[in-house]
N, C-alpha and C. Protein backbone atom coordinates (compact mmCIF):
# COMPACT_ATOMS: atom_id res chain seq x y z
N MET A 1 73.85 -8.19 33.61
CA MET A 1 72.68 -9.00 33.86
C MET A 1 72.26 -9.70 32.56
N ILE A 2 71.84 -10.94 32.70
CA ILE A 2 71.33 -11.69 31.54
C ILE A 2 69.89 -11.29 31.29
N ASN A 3 69.54 -11.14 30.03
CA ASN A 3 68.16 -10.89 29.61
C ASN A 3 67.62 -12.16 28.97
N TYR A 4 66.58 -12.71 29.58
CA TYR A 4 65.99 -13.96 29.13
C TYR A 4 64.76 -13.65 28.28
N LEU A 5 64.78 -14.12 27.03
CA LEU A 5 63.68 -13.89 26.12
C LEU A 5 62.96 -15.20 25.87
N ILE A 6 61.71 -15.26 26.27
CA ILE A 6 60.91 -16.48 26.21
C ILE A 6 60.24 -16.60 24.85
N VAL A 7 60.43 -17.77 24.23
CA VAL A 7 59.90 -18.04 22.90
C VAL A 7 58.94 -19.23 23.00
N PRO A 8 57.64 -18.97 23.24
CA PRO A 8 56.68 -20.05 23.32
C PRO A 8 56.47 -20.74 21.98
N GLY A 9 55.79 -21.86 22.03
CA GLY A 9 55.45 -22.60 20.82
C GLY A 9 54.04 -22.31 20.37
N LEU A 10 53.54 -23.21 19.56
CA LEU A 10 52.19 -23.11 19.01
C LEU A 10 51.18 -22.85 20.13
N GLY A 11 50.33 -21.86 19.93
CA GLY A 11 49.28 -21.58 20.91
C GLY A 11 49.71 -20.74 22.10
N ASN A 12 51.00 -20.37 22.17
CA ASN A 12 51.54 -19.62 23.29
C ASN A 12 51.61 -20.51 24.53
N SER A 13 52.12 -19.99 25.62
CA SER A 13 52.21 -20.74 26.87
C SER A 13 51.26 -20.11 27.88
N GLY A 14 50.35 -20.92 28.39
CA GLY A 14 49.31 -20.43 29.29
C GLY A 14 49.82 -20.09 30.68
N GLU A 15 48.89 -19.70 31.53
CA GLU A 15 49.21 -19.23 32.88
C GLU A 15 49.90 -20.28 33.74
N GLU A 16 49.64 -21.55 33.51
CA GLU A 16 50.23 -22.61 34.34
C GLU A 16 51.48 -23.23 33.72
N HIS A 17 51.95 -22.69 32.63
CA HIS A 17 53.11 -23.23 31.93
C HIS A 17 54.39 -22.71 32.59
N TRP A 18 55.44 -23.52 32.57
CA TRP A 18 56.71 -23.13 33.19
C TRP A 18 57.29 -21.86 32.58
N GLN A 19 57.04 -21.61 31.28
CA GLN A 19 57.56 -20.38 30.68
C GLN A 19 56.92 -19.14 31.32
N THR A 20 55.65 -19.25 31.67
CA THR A 20 54.96 -18.13 32.31
C THR A 20 55.51 -17.91 33.71
N TYR A 21 55.76 -19.00 34.44
CA TYR A 21 56.38 -18.85 35.76
C TYR A 21 57.74 -18.19 35.65
N LEU A 22 58.54 -18.60 34.65
CA LEU A 22 59.84 -17.95 34.46
C LEU A 22 59.68 -16.47 34.17
N GLU A 23 58.75 -16.15 33.29
CA GLU A 23 58.52 -14.76 32.92
C GLU A 23 58.22 -13.90 34.14
N LYS A 24 57.50 -14.45 35.09
CA LYS A 24 57.11 -13.71 36.30
C LYS A 24 58.19 -13.76 37.39
N SER A 25 59.28 -14.48 37.15
CA SER A 25 60.28 -14.69 38.20
C SER A 25 61.28 -13.55 38.33
N GLY A 26 61.34 -12.66 37.37
CA GLY A 26 62.29 -11.54 37.47
C GLY A 26 62.03 -10.51 36.40
N ASN A 27 62.55 -9.29 36.64
CA ASN A 27 62.31 -8.22 35.68
C ASN A 27 63.23 -8.29 34.47
N ASN A 28 64.04 -9.35 34.38
CA ASN A 28 64.90 -9.55 33.21
C ASN A 28 64.42 -10.73 32.35
N PHE A 29 63.14 -11.09 32.50
CA PHE A 29 62.50 -12.12 31.68
C PHE A 29 61.42 -11.44 30.84
N TYR A 30 61.45 -11.70 29.54
CA TYR A 30 60.52 -11.06 28.61
C TYR A 30 59.96 -12.11 27.66
N ARG A 31 58.67 -12.08 27.43
CA ARG A 31 58.04 -12.98 26.45
C ARG A 31 58.05 -12.29 25.08
N ILE A 32 58.45 -13.05 24.07
CA ILE A 32 58.36 -12.54 22.70
C ILE A 32 56.95 -12.86 22.21
N GLU A 33 56.17 -11.83 22.00
CA GLU A 33 54.79 -11.99 21.56
C GLU A 33 54.73 -12.14 20.04
N GLN A 34 53.80 -12.93 19.60
CA GLN A 34 53.57 -13.13 18.17
C GLN A 34 52.16 -12.66 17.82
N ASP A 35 51.97 -12.26 16.57
CA ASP A 35 50.63 -11.84 16.12
C ASP A 35 49.71 -13.03 15.94
N GLU A 36 50.25 -14.16 15.54
CA GLU A 36 49.44 -15.34 15.23
C GLU A 36 50.03 -16.55 15.95
N TRP A 37 49.36 -16.97 17.03
CA TRP A 37 49.85 -18.11 17.82
C TRP A 37 49.35 -19.46 17.30
N ASP A 38 48.23 -19.49 16.60
CA ASP A 38 47.61 -20.77 16.26
C ASP A 38 47.86 -21.23 14.83
N ALA A 39 48.24 -20.35 13.93
CA ALA A 39 48.61 -20.71 12.56
C ALA A 39 49.84 -19.89 12.20
N PRO A 40 50.96 -20.20 12.85
CA PRO A 40 52.15 -19.35 12.73
C PRO A 40 52.83 -19.41 11.38
N ASN A 41 53.48 -18.29 11.06
CA ASN A 41 54.31 -18.16 9.87
C ASN A 41 55.74 -17.97 10.36
N CYS A 42 56.63 -18.85 9.95
CA CYS A 42 58.01 -18.83 10.44
C CYS A 42 58.70 -17.50 10.19
N GLU A 43 58.53 -16.95 9.00
CA GLU A 43 59.19 -15.69 8.68
C GLU A 43 58.79 -14.59 9.66
N ASP A 44 57.50 -14.54 10.00
CA ASP A 44 57.02 -13.55 10.97
C ASP A 44 57.58 -13.82 12.36
N TRP A 45 57.60 -15.08 12.75
CA TRP A 45 58.07 -15.43 14.09
C TRP A 45 59.56 -15.12 14.27
N ILE A 46 60.38 -15.45 13.29
CA ILE A 46 61.81 -15.20 13.47
C ILE A 46 62.11 -13.69 13.39
N LYS A 47 61.33 -12.97 12.60
CA LYS A 47 61.49 -11.52 12.54
C LYS A 47 61.19 -10.91 13.90
N ARG A 48 60.15 -11.40 14.55
CA ARG A 48 59.78 -10.89 15.88
C ARG A 48 60.89 -11.19 16.90
N ILE A 49 61.50 -12.38 16.81
CA ILE A 49 62.64 -12.68 17.69
C ILE A 49 63.75 -11.68 17.44
N ASP A 50 64.07 -11.45 16.18
CA ASP A 50 65.18 -10.57 15.87
C ASP A 50 64.93 -9.14 16.34
N GLU A 51 63.72 -8.68 16.21
CA GLU A 51 63.38 -7.33 16.68
C GLU A 51 63.60 -7.22 18.19
N LYS A 52 63.15 -8.24 18.93
CA LYS A 52 63.27 -8.20 20.39
C LYS A 52 64.73 -8.36 20.83
N VAL A 53 65.46 -9.26 20.21
CA VAL A 53 66.86 -9.49 20.56
C VAL A 53 67.66 -8.20 20.43
N GLN A 54 67.36 -7.43 19.39
CA GLN A 54 68.13 -6.22 19.13
C GLN A 54 67.85 -5.08 20.11
N GLU A 55 66.89 -5.27 21.01
CA GLU A 55 66.64 -4.28 22.06
C GLU A 55 67.70 -4.35 23.16
N PHE A 56 68.54 -5.39 23.14
CA PHE A 56 69.49 -5.66 24.21
C PHE A 56 70.90 -5.79 23.65
N ASP A 57 71.88 -5.69 24.53
CA ASP A 57 73.25 -6.06 24.20
C ASP A 57 73.21 -7.56 23.91
N LEU A 58 73.57 -7.98 22.71
CA LEU A 58 73.44 -9.38 22.30
C LEU A 58 74.17 -10.32 23.25
N SER A 59 75.25 -9.87 23.85
CA SER A 59 76.02 -10.75 24.74
C SER A 59 75.29 -11.05 26.04
N THR A 60 74.15 -10.39 26.27
CA THR A 60 73.37 -10.62 27.50
C THR A 60 72.11 -11.45 27.25
N VAL A 61 71.86 -11.85 26.01
CA VAL A 61 70.58 -12.48 25.65
C VAL A 61 70.66 -14.00 25.68
N VAL A 62 69.70 -14.60 26.41
CA VAL A 62 69.48 -16.05 26.39
C VAL A 62 68.03 -16.26 25.97
N LEU A 63 67.83 -17.00 24.89
CA LEU A 63 66.48 -17.35 24.43
C LEU A 63 66.03 -18.62 25.14
N ILE A 64 64.74 -18.69 25.46
CA ILE A 64 64.18 -19.85 26.14
C ILE A 64 63.01 -20.35 25.31
N GLY A 65 63.24 -21.41 24.54
CA GLY A 65 62.21 -21.92 23.64
C GLY A 65 61.54 -23.18 24.15
N HIS A 66 60.29 -23.33 23.80
CA HIS A 66 59.56 -24.56 24.07
C HIS A 66 58.84 -24.99 22.81
N SER A 67 58.92 -26.30 22.49
CA SER A 67 58.16 -26.90 21.42
C SER A 67 58.49 -26.23 20.08
N LEU A 68 57.50 -25.67 19.41
CA LEU A 68 57.74 -24.99 18.13
C LEU A 68 58.70 -23.80 18.31
N GLY A 69 58.75 -23.26 19.50
CA GLY A 69 59.69 -22.18 19.79
C GLY A 69 61.14 -22.59 19.59
N CYS A 70 61.44 -23.87 19.79
CA CYS A 70 62.81 -24.37 19.58
C CYS A 70 63.19 -24.32 18.11
N SER A 71 62.30 -24.80 17.26
CA SER A 71 62.55 -24.74 15.81
C SER A 71 62.64 -23.30 15.34
N THR A 72 61.83 -22.44 15.94
CA THR A 72 61.85 -21.03 15.59
C THR A 72 63.22 -20.43 15.91
N ILE A 73 63.75 -20.77 17.06
CA ILE A 73 65.08 -20.27 17.45
C ILE A 73 66.14 -20.81 16.51
N ALA A 74 66.06 -22.10 16.17
CA ALA A 74 67.04 -22.68 15.24
C ALA A 74 66.97 -21.99 13.88
N LYS A 75 65.76 -21.72 13.39
CA LYS A 75 65.60 -21.00 12.12
C LYS A 75 66.16 -19.58 12.22
N TRP A 76 65.83 -18.90 13.33
CA TRP A 76 66.33 -17.54 13.53
C TRP A 76 67.86 -17.53 13.52
N ALA A 77 68.47 -18.48 14.23
CA ALA A 77 69.94 -18.55 14.29
C ALA A 77 70.53 -18.75 12.90
N THR A 78 69.89 -19.57 12.08
CA THR A 78 70.37 -19.85 10.73
C THR A 78 70.24 -18.62 9.83
N VAL A 79 69.10 -17.94 9.91
CA VAL A 79 68.83 -16.80 9.02
C VAL A 79 69.60 -15.55 9.43
N TYR A 80 69.57 -15.22 10.72
CA TYR A 80 70.12 -13.94 11.16
C TYR A 80 71.58 -14.00 11.61
N GLN A 81 72.07 -15.18 11.97
CA GLN A 81 73.49 -15.34 12.32
C GLN A 81 73.97 -14.38 13.40
N ARG A 82 73.12 -14.06 14.36
CA ARG A 82 73.54 -13.17 15.45
C ARG A 82 74.20 -14.00 16.55
N GLN A 83 75.16 -13.40 17.20
CA GLN A 83 75.88 -14.08 18.28
C GLN A 83 75.32 -13.60 19.62
N ILE A 84 74.53 -14.47 20.26
CA ILE A 84 73.97 -14.15 21.57
C ILE A 84 74.65 -15.04 22.61
N LYS A 85 74.26 -14.87 23.85
CA LYS A 85 74.85 -15.65 24.94
C LYS A 85 74.45 -17.12 24.84
N GLY A 86 73.19 -17.39 24.52
CA GLY A 86 72.79 -18.79 24.41
C GLY A 86 71.29 -18.99 24.29
N ALA A 87 70.91 -20.28 24.29
CA ALA A 87 69.49 -20.64 24.20
C ALA A 87 69.23 -21.96 24.91
N LEU A 88 68.14 -21.99 25.64
CA LEU A 88 67.62 -23.21 26.25
C LEU A 88 66.47 -23.67 25.36
N LEU A 89 66.56 -24.89 24.85
CA LEU A 89 65.58 -25.43 23.90
C LEU A 89 64.91 -26.63 24.54
N VAL A 90 63.67 -26.47 24.97
CA VAL A 90 62.96 -27.50 25.74
C VAL A 90 61.87 -28.15 24.90
N ALA A 91 61.93 -29.46 24.78
CA ALA A 91 60.92 -30.26 24.08
C ALA A 91 60.71 -29.81 22.64
N PRO A 92 61.77 -29.85 21.84
CA PRO A 92 61.62 -29.39 20.44
C PRO A 92 60.68 -30.30 19.66
N SER A 93 59.60 -29.75 19.16
CA SER A 93 58.65 -30.55 18.38
C SER A 93 59.28 -31.02 17.07
N ASP A 94 58.94 -32.23 16.67
CA ASP A 94 59.42 -32.78 15.40
C ASP A 94 58.39 -32.48 14.32
N LEU A 95 58.56 -31.36 13.67
CA LEU A 95 57.62 -30.91 12.64
C LEU A 95 57.58 -31.83 11.43
N GLU A 96 58.59 -32.68 11.31
CA GLU A 96 58.66 -33.59 10.16
C GLU A 96 58.00 -34.94 10.45
N ALA A 97 57.52 -35.13 11.67
CA ALA A 97 56.86 -36.39 12.04
C ALA A 97 55.42 -36.39 11.52
N PRO A 98 54.92 -37.56 11.15
CA PRO A 98 53.54 -37.64 10.63
C PRO A 98 52.49 -37.14 11.62
N LEU A 99 52.75 -37.25 12.92
CA LEU A 99 51.79 -36.81 13.93
C LEU A 99 51.59 -35.30 13.92
N TYR A 100 52.60 -34.55 13.48
CA TYR A 100 52.54 -33.09 13.53
C TYR A 100 51.74 -32.58 12.34
N THR A 101 50.49 -32.24 12.57
CA THR A 101 49.60 -31.81 11.49
C THR A 101 49.08 -30.39 11.70
N PHE A 102 49.65 -29.65 12.63
CA PHE A 102 49.20 -28.30 12.91
C PHE A 102 49.60 -27.34 11.80
N PRO A 103 48.83 -26.29 11.62
CA PRO A 103 49.16 -25.33 10.57
C PRO A 103 50.33 -24.44 10.99
N ALA A 104 51.50 -24.76 10.50
CA ALA A 104 52.70 -23.98 10.79
C ALA A 104 53.44 -23.80 9.47
N LYS A 105 53.48 -22.59 8.96
CA LYS A 105 54.02 -22.33 7.62
C LYS A 105 55.50 -21.95 7.69
N GLY A 106 56.33 -22.70 6.92
CA GLY A 106 57.72 -22.32 6.74
C GLY A 106 58.70 -22.81 7.78
N PHE A 107 58.26 -23.62 8.71
CA PHE A 107 59.15 -24.08 9.78
C PHE A 107 59.94 -25.32 9.41
N ASP A 108 59.47 -26.05 8.40
CA ASP A 108 60.21 -27.24 8.01
C ASP A 108 60.90 -27.00 6.67
N PRO A 109 61.99 -27.65 6.42
CA PRO A 109 62.59 -28.65 7.29
C PRO A 109 63.26 -28.00 8.51
N ILE A 110 63.37 -28.76 9.56
CA ILE A 110 64.03 -28.29 10.77
C ILE A 110 65.51 -28.08 10.45
N PRO A 111 66.06 -26.93 10.82
CA PRO A 111 67.48 -26.67 10.52
C PRO A 111 68.38 -27.74 11.13
N LYS A 112 69.38 -28.12 10.38
CA LYS A 112 70.34 -29.12 10.84
C LYS A 112 71.72 -28.50 11.06
N ASP A 113 71.84 -27.19 10.81
CA ASP A 113 73.12 -26.51 10.95
C ASP A 113 73.46 -26.29 12.42
N GLU A 114 74.77 -26.28 12.70
CA GLU A 114 75.21 -25.98 14.05
C GLU A 114 74.83 -24.56 14.41
N ILE A 115 74.32 -24.39 15.62
CA ILE A 115 73.99 -23.08 16.14
C ILE A 115 75.27 -22.52 16.76
N LYS A 116 75.62 -21.30 16.41
CA LYS A 116 76.93 -20.74 16.74
C LYS A 116 77.02 -20.12 18.13
N PHE A 117 76.08 -20.40 18.99
CA PHE A 117 76.15 -19.95 20.38
C PHE A 117 75.76 -21.14 21.26
N LYS A 118 76.03 -21.02 22.55
CA LYS A 118 75.76 -22.12 23.47
C LYS A 118 74.27 -22.45 23.50
N THR A 119 73.97 -23.74 23.37
CA THR A 119 72.58 -24.20 23.46
C THR A 119 72.50 -25.46 24.31
N ILE A 120 71.39 -25.58 25.00
CA ILE A 120 71.08 -26.77 25.79
C ILE A 120 69.71 -27.26 25.35
N VAL A 121 69.63 -28.52 24.93
CA VAL A 121 68.36 -29.13 24.58
C VAL A 121 67.92 -30.02 25.74
N VAL A 122 66.70 -29.79 26.22
CA VAL A 122 66.11 -30.63 27.27
C VAL A 122 64.96 -31.39 26.64
N ALA A 123 64.99 -32.71 26.79
CA ALA A 123 63.96 -33.55 26.17
C ALA A 123 63.47 -34.61 27.15
N SER A 124 62.35 -35.20 26.78
CA SER A 124 61.69 -36.23 27.58
C SER A 124 61.66 -37.54 26.79
N SER A 125 61.76 -38.63 27.49
CA SER A 125 61.76 -39.94 26.81
C SER A 125 60.37 -40.37 26.35
N ASN A 126 59.32 -39.67 26.75
CA ASN A 126 57.98 -40.05 26.30
C ASN A 126 57.17 -38.84 25.79
N ASP A 127 57.85 -37.93 25.12
CA ASP A 127 57.20 -36.77 24.54
C ASP A 127 56.45 -37.21 23.28
N PRO A 128 55.14 -36.95 23.20
CA PRO A 128 54.39 -37.37 22.01
C PRO A 128 54.76 -36.57 20.76
N TRP A 129 55.42 -35.41 20.91
CA TRP A 129 55.70 -34.54 19.77
C TRP A 129 57.12 -34.67 19.25
N VAL A 130 57.97 -35.45 19.95
CA VAL A 130 59.32 -35.72 19.46
C VAL A 130 59.86 -36.95 20.18
N SER A 131 60.38 -37.88 19.42
CA SER A 131 61.00 -39.05 20.07
C SER A 131 62.31 -38.60 20.69
N ILE A 132 62.76 -39.32 21.68
CA ILE A 132 64.02 -38.97 22.33
C ILE A 132 65.18 -39.06 21.34
N ASP A 133 65.10 -40.01 20.41
CA ASP A 133 66.15 -40.14 19.40
C ASP A 133 66.20 -38.92 18.48
N ARG A 134 65.03 -38.43 18.08
CA ARG A 134 65.00 -37.24 17.21
C ARG A 134 65.46 -36.00 17.97
N ALA A 135 65.06 -35.88 19.22
CA ALA A 135 65.51 -34.74 20.03
C ALA A 135 67.03 -34.75 20.15
N GLU A 136 67.59 -35.92 20.37
CA GLU A 136 69.04 -36.02 20.47
C GLU A 136 69.70 -35.74 19.12
N TYR A 137 69.07 -36.18 18.04
CA TYR A 137 69.56 -35.90 16.69
C TYR A 137 69.62 -34.38 16.45
N PHE A 138 68.53 -33.68 16.79
CA PHE A 138 68.53 -32.22 16.65
C PHE A 138 69.65 -31.62 17.49
N SER A 139 69.75 -32.06 18.73
CA SER A 139 70.77 -31.56 19.65
C SER A 139 72.18 -31.74 19.08
N ASN A 140 72.44 -32.92 18.55
CA ASN A 140 73.77 -33.18 17.98
C ASN A 140 74.05 -32.27 16.79
N ASN A 141 73.07 -32.11 15.91
CA ASN A 141 73.24 -31.23 14.75
C ASN A 141 73.46 -29.78 15.17
N TRP A 142 72.73 -29.34 16.17
CA TRP A 142 72.82 -27.95 16.61
C TRP A 142 74.07 -27.69 17.46
N GLY A 143 74.78 -28.77 17.86
CA GLY A 143 75.95 -28.60 18.72
C GLY A 143 75.57 -28.31 20.16
N SER A 144 74.43 -28.81 20.57
CA SER A 144 73.88 -28.52 21.90
C SER A 144 74.30 -29.54 22.93
N GLU A 145 74.31 -29.11 24.18
CA GLU A 145 74.36 -30.06 25.29
C GLU A 145 72.99 -30.71 25.33
N PHE A 146 72.94 -32.01 25.60
CA PHE A 146 71.67 -32.73 25.59
C PHE A 146 71.34 -33.23 26.99
N VAL A 147 70.11 -32.96 27.45
CA VAL A 147 69.65 -33.38 28.76
C VAL A 147 68.35 -34.16 28.60
N ASN A 148 68.36 -35.43 28.98
CA ASN A 148 67.16 -36.27 28.96
C ASN A 148 66.62 -36.30 30.39
N ILE A 149 65.43 -35.76 30.60
CA ILE A 149 64.88 -35.72 31.96
C ILE A 149 63.91 -36.87 32.23
N GLY A 150 63.96 -37.91 31.40
CA GLY A 150 63.13 -39.09 31.64
C GLY A 150 61.71 -38.91 31.17
N ASP A 151 60.79 -39.66 31.77
CA ASP A 151 59.38 -39.61 31.39
C ASP A 151 58.75 -38.31 31.88
N ALA A 152 58.66 -37.34 31.01
CA ALA A 152 58.14 -36.03 31.39
C ALA A 152 57.16 -35.48 30.37
N GLY A 153 56.65 -36.35 29.50
CA GLY A 153 55.71 -35.89 28.49
C GLY A 153 56.29 -34.78 27.64
N HIS A 154 55.47 -33.79 27.32
CA HIS A 154 55.91 -32.68 26.46
C HIS A 154 56.53 -31.52 27.28
N ILE A 155 56.80 -31.79 28.53
CA ILE A 155 57.42 -30.80 29.42
C ILE A 155 56.62 -29.49 29.37
N ASN A 156 55.34 -29.63 29.65
CA ASN A 156 54.45 -28.47 29.65
C ASN A 156 53.51 -28.57 30.85
N ALA A 157 52.57 -27.66 30.95
CA ALA A 157 51.65 -27.65 32.09
C ALA A 157 50.83 -28.94 32.15
N ASP A 158 50.41 -29.46 30.99
CA ASP A 158 49.61 -30.69 30.96
C ASP A 158 50.36 -31.89 31.52
N SER A 159 51.69 -31.87 31.44
CA SER A 159 52.47 -32.98 31.96
C SER A 159 53.10 -32.63 33.32
N GLY A 160 52.57 -31.61 33.98
CA GLY A 160 52.98 -31.30 35.34
C GLY A 160 54.13 -30.31 35.48
N PHE A 161 54.46 -29.61 34.39
CA PHE A 161 55.58 -28.66 34.45
C PHE A 161 55.04 -27.24 34.46
N GLY A 162 54.56 -26.87 35.64
CA GLY A 162 54.13 -25.50 35.87
C GLY A 162 55.32 -24.72 36.42
N ASN A 163 55.40 -24.60 37.72
CA ASN A 163 56.52 -23.90 38.34
C ASN A 163 57.73 -24.84 38.38
N TRP A 164 58.39 -24.96 37.27
CA TRP A 164 59.50 -25.90 37.07
C TRP A 164 60.79 -25.23 37.51
N LYS A 165 61.11 -25.38 38.78
CA LYS A 165 62.28 -24.71 39.37
C LYS A 165 63.58 -25.17 38.74
N GLU A 166 63.63 -26.41 38.25
CA GLU A 166 64.84 -26.92 37.62
C GLU A 166 65.23 -26.10 36.38
N ALA A 167 64.24 -25.46 35.74
CA ALA A 167 64.55 -24.63 34.58
C ALA A 167 65.49 -23.49 34.97
N LEU A 168 65.25 -22.89 36.13
CA LEU A 168 66.14 -21.83 36.61
C LEU A 168 67.54 -22.36 36.87
N GLU A 169 67.63 -23.58 37.38
CA GLU A 169 68.94 -24.19 37.62
C GLU A 169 69.67 -24.42 36.30
N ILE A 170 68.95 -24.87 35.30
CA ILE A 170 69.57 -25.08 33.99
C ILE A 170 70.04 -23.74 33.41
N LEU A 171 69.24 -22.72 33.59
CA LEU A 171 69.60 -21.39 33.08
C LEU A 171 70.88 -20.85 33.73
N ASN A 172 71.17 -21.31 34.94
CA ASN A 172 72.41 -20.89 35.61
C ASN A 172 73.66 -21.29 34.80
N GLN A 173 73.53 -22.28 33.92
CA GLN A 173 74.66 -22.70 33.11
C GLN A 173 75.05 -21.64 32.07
N PHE A 174 74.23 -20.64 31.89
CA PHE A 174 74.54 -19.58 30.93
C PHE A 174 75.23 -18.38 31.58
N GLU A 175 75.39 -18.42 32.89
CA GLU A 175 76.03 -17.28 33.58
C GLU A 175 77.51 -17.27 33.34
């Protein structure tokens, strides 16, 4: 059985967010909790991912990141070099863009190294937190499959992505 570990971004993912719906969809979905959701420290966040990942057979683990969670996964992959089954990276925020002014310590620069396990980047053509070109740039550097789902905003609850059933379909690619 695959174990899906959910890695929310800044502020966590609320009750109407697609990550929360995924978490409630099966007993093999787990949210990685952080001590500080609003002023995150990268070192703490990647350590928390590593602690949770090691609770499972690594070959069964798929990480599911959103927004800052995507950069967190890329940093974790670079630092810890663990071989897991894969990662779904949805709407990776561009921390290097002038618009990104949130307090997030240690997340930039965004890793440009290839991620050594299967990854899929899902992006939107009108995401305010990352241009489609930058999302594709990250995807290419990470060695990810790239999926552009069109005008979908930040692919979160505010842009209508609550019970996002297509996420489960994308996750089937890791089986």
